[in-house]
């Protein structure tokens, strides 16, 4: 066990922030749900997020998150809102205020403006006793027992909790709308995330010319030769109409070679797996990976790609991991 004081401090910070999240899970979940319902009731109007200092940074991030999952959102620094930005705020359906203290002349002025314009007010506040709380349509309790730094004044636990509460709100809105990875992909076409969400199995699969393809009547010796030529980890077995009738994995072949003393009369049909899991060529890579990793009784390493019951290729879990950088 390490005696390094920095290791001890790092653990203490993580435990302190984790404790703040645990307390909020029981205390603030209903408040988050109420905020989500309020925003949904006000759609299609925009949502405005605002804050000052570190709270402003969190508000900026949450505006980006909400926009990326279907809630049209904008961020404005609270101190700048009364210097030209109120034209945009005036059309909002809801304003989400983030503040540790829940005080300040700018916030009070914004609350008065929103009240006059019938704009809903949601506040993620670190002080449940703030006079501002009673003026909100939905108050989300972002209070903490202590910040995570030794002196207890650096925004650490408070900003972590505010971020988590905002993330919870974003996910609640996603679920209420039925927002899926396909919807998410439309907003993230490029980069590593785009690769994960937009590319399909057809983009990366090994085609028919590069996979072992056999008929049920062929011998296990033929099977071993074909799988050596095309090391995809999976041989597809099809009938004369190119319809899939089964697959043979590397594991199936190894078992046949070790458990059967005389393979001279054994056919592919006798060692193959009938009715295997399959994937379509149009399936997103994320879906293919979920099928492989979620397969029971255990994850599978390769899938036949089938369209209209005709074999089109094979996709492997190694290809998916390579093509979908974390």
Protein backbone atom coordinates (compact mmCIF):
# COMPACT_ATOMS: atom_id res chain seq x y z
CA UNK A 1 0.00 0.00 0.00
CA UNK A 2 1.41 3.38 -1.04
CA UNK A 3 2.44 5.95 1.60
CA UNK A 4 2.69 8.68 -1.01
CA UNK A 5 0.74 11.71 0.35
CA UNK A 6 -0.24 12.71 -3.18
CA UNK A 7 -1.82 9.30 -3.74
CA UNK A 8 -3.74 9.74 -0.49
CA UNK A 9 -4.88 13.21 -1.55
CA UNK A 10 -6.00 11.96 -4.96
CA UNK A 11 -8.07 9.21 -3.32
CA UNK A 12 -9.61 11.68 -0.91
CA UNK A 13 -10.68 13.98 -3.74
CA UNK A 14 -12.27 11.13 -5.66
CA UNK A 15 -14.06 9.80 -2.57
CA UNK A 16 -15.30 13.28 -1.64
CA UNK A 17 -16.71 13.98 -5.09
CA UNK A 18 -18.19 10.51 -5.31
CA UNK A 19 -19.98 11.06 -1.99
CA UNK A 20 -21.52 14.27 -3.33
CA UNK A 21 -22.91 12.39 -6.31
CA UNK A 22 -24.29 9.60 -4.13
CA UNK A 23 -26.17 12.04 -1.92
CA UNK A 24 -27.60 13.88 -4.92
CA UNK A 25 -28.83 10.65 -6.54
CA UNK A 26 -31.43 10.25 -3.79
CA UNK A 27 -32.06 13.95 -3.17
CA UNK A 28 -32.24 15.51 -6.62
CA UNK A 29 -33.47 12.86 -9.08
CA UNK A 30 -37.12 13.98 -8.91
CA UNK A 31 -36.04 17.58 -9.43
CA UNK A 32 -34.09 16.63 -12.57
CA UNK A 33 -37.11 14.73 -13.91
CA UNK A 34 -39.34 17.75 -13.26
CA UNK A 35 -36.91 19.96 -15.18
CA UNK A 36 -36.97 17.54 -18.12
CA UNK A 37 -40.78 17.58 -18.22
CA UNK A 38 -40.80 21.38 -18.12
CA UNK A 39 -38.39 21.62 -21.07
CA UNK A 40 -40.43 19.08 -23.06
CA UNK A 41 -43.62 21.05 -22.36
CA UNK A 42 -41.97 24.19 -23.73
CA UNK A 43 -40.63 22.66 -26.96
CA UNK A 44 -39.79 23.56 -29.65
CA UNK A 45 -38.51 26.72 -27.95
CA UNK A 46 -34.78 26.91 -27.24
CA UNK A 47 -33.10 26.36 -23.89
CA UNK A 48 -30.60 28.92 -22.60
CA UNK A 49 -27.86 27.98 -20.13
CA UNK A 50 -25.95 30.55 -18.16
CA UNK A 51 -23.52 30.86 -15.31
CA UNK A 52 -20.52 32.85 -14.12
CA UNK A 53 -16.99 31.70 -13.37
CA UNK A 54 -16.59 27.95 -13.03
CA UNK A 55 -20.38 27.54 -13.16
CA UNK A 56 -20.24 29.25 -16.54
CA UNK A 57 -17.79 26.66 -17.83
CA UNK A 58 -20.12 23.87 -16.71
CA UNK A 59 -23.10 25.63 -18.30
CA UNK A 60 -21.18 25.93 -21.58
CA UNK A 61 -20.44 22.20 -21.61
CA UNK A 62 -24.04 21.28 -20.78
CA UNK A 63 -25.37 23.48 -23.59
CA UNK A 64 -23.17 21.54 -26.00
CA UNK A 65 -24.32 18.21 -24.59
CA UNK A 66 -28.00 19.13 -24.78
CA UNK A 67 -27.64 20.35 -28.36
CA UNK A 68 -25.93 17.14 -29.38
CA UNK A 69 -28.83 15.03 -28.12
CA UNK A 70 -31.68 16.97 -29.64
CA UNK A 71 -32.39 19.86 -27.25
CA UNK A 72 -31.59 23.10 -29.08
CA UNK A 73 -29.53 24.96 -26.50
CA UNK A 74 -27.30 28.01 -26.25
CA UNK A 75 -24.84 29.27 -23.66
CA UNK A 76 -24.40 32.87 -22.55
CA UNK A 77 -22.12 34.22 -19.87
CA UNK A 78 -24.43 35.77 -17.28
CA UNK A 79 -22.53 39.06 -17.10
CA UNK A 80 -22.78 39.53 -20.87
CA UNK A 81 -26.47 38.75 -21.28
CA UNK A 82 -27.55 42.35 -20.71
CA UNK A 83 -25.13 43.67 -23.32
CA UNK A 84 -26.83 42.50 -26.49
CA UNK A 85 -27.81 38.85 -25.97
CA UNK A 86 -31.32 39.33 -24.62
CA UNK A 87 -32.75 39.25 -28.15
CA UNK A 88 -31.95 35.54 -28.28
CA UNK A 89 -32.95 34.89 -24.69
CA UNK A 90 -36.32 36.55 -25.29
CA UNK A 91 -37.36 33.65 -27.56
CA UNK A 92 -36.30 30.90 -25.15
CA UNK A 93 -38.67 28.43 -23.59
CA UNK A 94 -36.51 27.88 -20.52
CA UNK A 95 -33.39 29.25 -18.90
CA UNK A 96 -31.14 26.98 -16.85
CA UNK A 97 -29.12 28.94 -14.27
CA UNK A 98 -26.01 27.41 -12.73
CA UNK A 99 -24.64 29.02 -9.60
CA UNK A 100 -22.91 27.81 -6.47
CA UNK A 101 -24.13 30.69 -4.30
CA UNK A 102 -27.41 31.45 -6.05
CA UNK A 103 -26.78 35.14 -5.57
CA UNK A 104 -25.62 38.13 -7.56
CA UNK A 105 -27.14 41.17 -9.22
CA UNK A 106 -26.84 39.67 -12.73
CA UNK A 107 -28.80 36.58 -11.74
CA UNK A 108 -31.48 38.61 -9.99
CA UNK A 109 -31.86 40.84 -13.04
CA UNK A 110 -32.12 37.78 -15.32
CA UNK A 111 -34.78 36.20 -13.11
CA UNK A 112 -36.86 39.40 -13.26
CA UNK A 113 -36.50 39.51 -17.05
CA UNK A 114 -37.52 35.86 -17.46
CA UNK A 115 -40.50 36.26 -15.15
CA UNK A 116 -41.81 39.22 -17.14
CA UNK A 117 -41.38 37.30 -20.41
CA UNK A 118 -42.94 34.06 -19.13
CA UNK A 119 -39.71 32.13 -19.68
CA UNK A 120 -39.43 29.08 -17.45
CA UNK A 121 -36.59 29.12 -14.93
CA UNK A 122 -34.60 26.08 -13.87
CA UNK A 123 -31.75 26.48 -11.40
CA UNK A 124 -28.92 24.15 -10.45
CA UNK A 125 -27.90 25.93 -7.28
CA UNK A 126 -25.31 25.08 -4.65
CA UNK A 127 -27.20 26.92 -1.90
CA UNK A 128 -30.65 25.50 -1.18
CA UNK A 129 -31.39 28.53 1.03
CA UNK A 130 -30.73 31.05 -1.72
CA UNK A 131 -33.55 33.62 -2.13
CA UNK A 132 -33.36 32.79 -5.83
CA UNK A 133 -34.61 29.22 -5.23
CA UNK A 134 -38.17 30.31 -4.47
CA UNK A 135 -38.38 32.23 -7.75
CA UNK A 136 -37.56 29.21 -9.90
CA UNK A 137 -40.05 26.96 -11.67
CA UNK A 138 -37.76 24.02 -10.88
CA UNK A 139 -35.00 24.09 -8.28
CA UNK A 140 -32.33 21.39 -8.59
CA UNK A 141 -30.36 20.98 -5.39
CA UNK A 142 -26.65 21.12 -6.19
CA UNK A 143 -25.47 21.61 -2.62
CA UNK A 144 -22.49 19.68 -1.26
CA UNK A 145 -21.09 18.86 2.15
CA UNK A 146 -17.62 20.09 1.24
CA UNK A 147 -15.34 20.88 -1.65
CA UNK A 148 -12.59 18.36 -2.27
CA UNK A 149 -9.55 20.60 -1.77
CA UNK A 150 -7.88 20.74 1.68
CA UNK A 151 -9.09 24.28 2.38
CA UNK A 152 -12.60 23.65 1.08
CA UNK A 153 -12.94 26.68 -1.19
CA UNK A 154 -11.89 25.55 -4.69
CA UNK A 155 -14.89 24.61 -6.91
CA UNK A 156 -14.39 20.85 -7.17
CA UNK A 157 -17.21 18.77 -5.71
CA UNK A 158 -19.68 21.53 -6.54
CA UNK A 159 -18.76 21.70 -10.23
CA UNK A 160 -18.63 17.92 -10.54
CA UNK A 161 -22.12 17.66 -9.09
CA UNK A 162 -23.50 20.46 -11.29
CA UNK A 163 -22.08 18.71 -14.35
CA UNK A 164 -23.57 15.37 -13.31
CA UNK A 165 -26.99 16.90 -12.67
CA UNK A 166 -26.90 18.50 -16.11
CA UNK A 167 -25.87 15.21 -17.69
CA UNK A 168 -28.76 13.50 -15.92
CA UNK A 169 -31.12 16.08 -17.38
CA UNK A 170 -29.73 15.54 -20.89
CA UNK A 171 -30.14 11.77 -20.64
CA UNK A 172 -33.70 12.10 -19.30
CA UNK A 173 -34.56 14.25 -22.31
CA UNK A 174 -32.93 11.72 -24.64
CA UNK A 175 -35.00 8.89 -23.22
CA UNK A 176 -38.23 10.85 -23.25
CA UNK A 177 -37.75 11.59 -26.96
CA UNK A 178 -36.56 8.12 -27.92
CA UNK A 179 -33.30 9.67 -29.12
CA UNK A 180 -31.02 6.92 -30.50
CA UNK A 181 -27.44 6.49 -31.65
CA UNK A 182 -28.65 6.94 -35.23
CA UNK A 183 -30.02 10.37 -34.29
CA UNK A 184 -26.81 11.18 -32.44
CA UNK A 185 -24.76 10.23 -35.50
CA UNK A 186 -26.40 12.98 -37.55
CA UNK A 187 -24.78 15.57 -35.28
CA UNK A 188 -21.34 13.89 -35.21
CA UNK A 189 -20.41 12.95 -38.78
CA UNK A 190 -16.62 13.30 -38.47
CA UNK A 191 -13.73 12.08 -36.33
CA UNK A 192 -13.53 9.01 -34.14
CA UNK A 193 -17.07 9.42 -32.90
CA UNK A 194 -18.34 9.68 -36.45
CA UNK A 195 -16.53 6.45 -37.28
CA UNK A 196 -18.28 4.72 -34.41
CA UNK A 197 -21.72 6.02 -35.24
CA UNK A 198 -21.96 6.40 -39.01
CA UNK A 199 -20.05 3.53 -40.58
CA UNK A 200 -21.77 0.28 -41.40
CA UNK A 201 -20.74 -3.36 -41.46
CA UNK A 202 -20.57 -3.24 -45.27
CA UNK A 203 -17.78 -0.65 -44.98
CA UNK A 204 -15.37 -2.99 -43.20
CA UNK A 205 -16.49 -6.61 -43.64
CA UNK A 206 -14.40 -9.23 -45.40
CA UNK A 207 -16.20 -10.00 -48.66
CA UNK A 208 -16.98 -13.37 -50.17
CA UNK A 209 -13.60 -13.66 -51.90
CA UNK A 210 -11.77 -13.28 -48.59
CA UNK A 211 -13.67 -15.70 -46.36
CA UNK A 212 -13.87 -19.50 -46.09
CA UNK A 213 -17.02 -20.63 -47.90
CA UNK A 214 -18.04 -24.29 -47.94
CA UNK A 215 -20.99 -26.52 -48.66
CA UNK A 216 -22.41 -28.85 -45.97
CA UNK A 217 -21.22 -31.94 -47.86
CA UNK A 218 -17.54 -30.98 -47.98
CA UNK A 219 -15.04 -32.70 -45.69
CA UNK A 220 -13.47 -31.38 -42.52
CA UNK A 221 -10.15 -31.56 -44.36
CA UNK A 222 -11.52 -29.13 -46.94
CA UNK A 223 -12.70 -26.98 -44.05
CA UNK A 224 -9.24 -26.88 -42.46
CA UNK A 225 -7.63 -25.93 -45.77
CA UNK A 226 -10.08 -23.12 -46.44
CA UNK A 227 -9.81 -21.71 -42.92
CA UNK A 228 -6.02 -21.72 -43.23
CA UNK A 229 -6.24 -19.79 -46.51
CA UNK A 230 -8.63 -17.21 -45.08
CA UNK A 231 -7.96 -16.71 -41.35
CA UNK A 232 -11.10 -14.74 -40.48
CA UNK A 233 -11.91 -17.03 -37.55
CA UNK A 234 -15.20 -18.09 -39.12
CA UNK A 235 -16.20 -20.24 -42.08
CA UNK A 236 -19.65 -19.85 -43.59
CA UNK A 237 -21.58 -22.84 -44.82
CA UNK A 238 -24.16 -22.27 -47.55
CA UNK A 239 -26.36 -24.25 -49.90
CA UNK A 240 -26.47 -24.14 -53.69
CA UNK A 241 -28.62 -21.00 -53.58
CA UNK A 242 -25.98 -19.19 -51.48
CA UNK A 243 -28.28 -19.24 -48.44
CA UNK A 244 -26.58 -19.52 -45.07
CA UNK A 245 -27.09 -22.90 -43.38
CA UNK A 246 -24.42 -22.70 -40.68
CA UNK A 247 -20.99 -21.53 -39.55
CA UNK A 248 -17.82 -23.14 -38.25
CA UNK A 249 -15.60 -21.17 -35.90
CA UNK A 250 -11.93 -21.78 -35.17
CA UNK A 251 -13.06 -23.30 -31.88
CA UNK A 252 -15.45 -25.68 -33.64
CA UNK A 253 -12.66 -26.84 -35.93
CA UNK A 254 -10.21 -27.36 -33.05
CA UNK A 255 -12.75 -29.43 -31.16
CA UNK A 256 -13.37 -31.60 -34.22
CA UNK A 257 -9.65 -32.16 -34.73
CA UNK A 258 -9.04 -33.11 -31.09
CA UNK A 259 -12.21 -35.02 -30.24
CA UNK A 260 -12.75 -37.14 -33.36
CA UNK A 261 -10.11 -39.79 -34.00
CA UNK A 262 -11.02 -40.45 -37.63
CA UNK A 263 -12.16 -37.43 -39.64
CA UNK A 264 -12.02 -39.13 -43.02
CA UNK A 265 -15.80 -39.45 -43.29
CA UNK A 266 -16.83 -36.39 -41.29
CA UNK A 267 -18.56 -33.59 -43.21
CA UNK A 268 -18.79 -29.89 -42.53
CA UNK A 269 -22.48 -30.32 -41.70
CA UNK A 270 -21.54 -32.49 -38.71
CA UNK A 271 -19.32 -29.87 -37.06
CA UNK A 272 -21.06 -26.65 -38.02
CA UNK A 273 -23.35 -24.53 -35.86
CA UNK A 274 -26.80 -24.23 -37.39
CA UNK A 275 -28.90 -21.05 -37.04
CA UNK A 276 -25.99 -18.81 -36.01
CA UNK A 277 -26.29 -15.16 -35.02
CA UNK A 278 -25.98 -12.90 -38.07
CA UNK A 279 -25.73 -9.22 -38.90
CA UNK A 280 -26.93 -7.23 -41.90
CA UNK A 281 -24.52 -5.22 -44.08
CA UNK A 282 -26.43 -2.01 -43.33
CA UNK A 283 -26.03 -2.38 -39.55
CA UNK A 284 -23.98 0.29 -37.79
CA UNK A 285 -20.65 -0.81 -36.36
CA UNK A 286 -21.82 0.03 -32.86
CA UNK A 287 -24.76 -2.34 -33.27
CA UNK A 288 -22.55 -5.14 -34.57
CA UNK A 289 -20.21 -4.76 -31.60
CA UNK A 290 -23.16 -4.83 -29.19
CA UNK A 291 -24.44 -8.05 -30.80
CA UNK A 292 -21.04 -9.72 -30.44
CA UNK A 293 -20.32 -8.59 -26.90
CA UNK A 294 -23.85 -9.21 -25.70
CA UNK A 295 -24.16 -12.69 -27.16
CA UNK A 296 -24.98 -15.42 -24.66
CA UNK A 297 -23.53 -17.58 -23.23
CA UNK A 298 -20.43 -15.60 -24.18
CA UNK A 299 -19.09 -12.99 -26.59
CA UNK A 300 -18.50 -14.15 -30.15
CA UNK A 301 -15.54 -13.08 -32.25
CA UNK A 302 -17.05 -13.08 -35.75
CA UNK A 303 -20.45 -12.78 -37.44
CA UNK A 304 -21.63 -13.80 -40.90
CA UNK A 305 -23.01 -10.84 -42.80
CA UNK A 306 -26.31 -11.82 -44.40
CA UNK A 307 -28.81 -9.99 -46.58
CA UNK A 308 -32.01 -11.66 -47.82
CA UNK A 309 -30.63 -14.88 -46.31
CA UNK A 310 -27.67 -14.72 -48.72
CA UNK A 311 -24.11 -14.62 -47.35
CA UNK A 312 -22.32 -11.35 -48.14
CA UNK A 313 -19.22 -11.62 -45.94
CA UNK A 314 -17.87 -11.83 -42.39
CA UNK A 315 -17.13 -9.14 -39.82
CA UNK A 316 -14.87 -9.81 -36.83
CA UNK A 317 -14.67 -8.21 -33.41
CA UNK A 318 -11.02 -7.36 -34.11
CA UNK A 319 -12.08 -5.36 -37.18
CA UNK A 320 -14.65 -3.49 -35.13
CA UNK A 321 -12.18 -2.57 -32.41
CA UNK A 322 -9.66 -1.45 -35.02
CA UNK A 323 -12.16 0.64 -36.98
CA UNK A 324 -13.84 2.23 -33.96
CA UNK A 325 -11.10 4.02 -32.00
CA UNK A 326 -12.04 4.82 -28.44
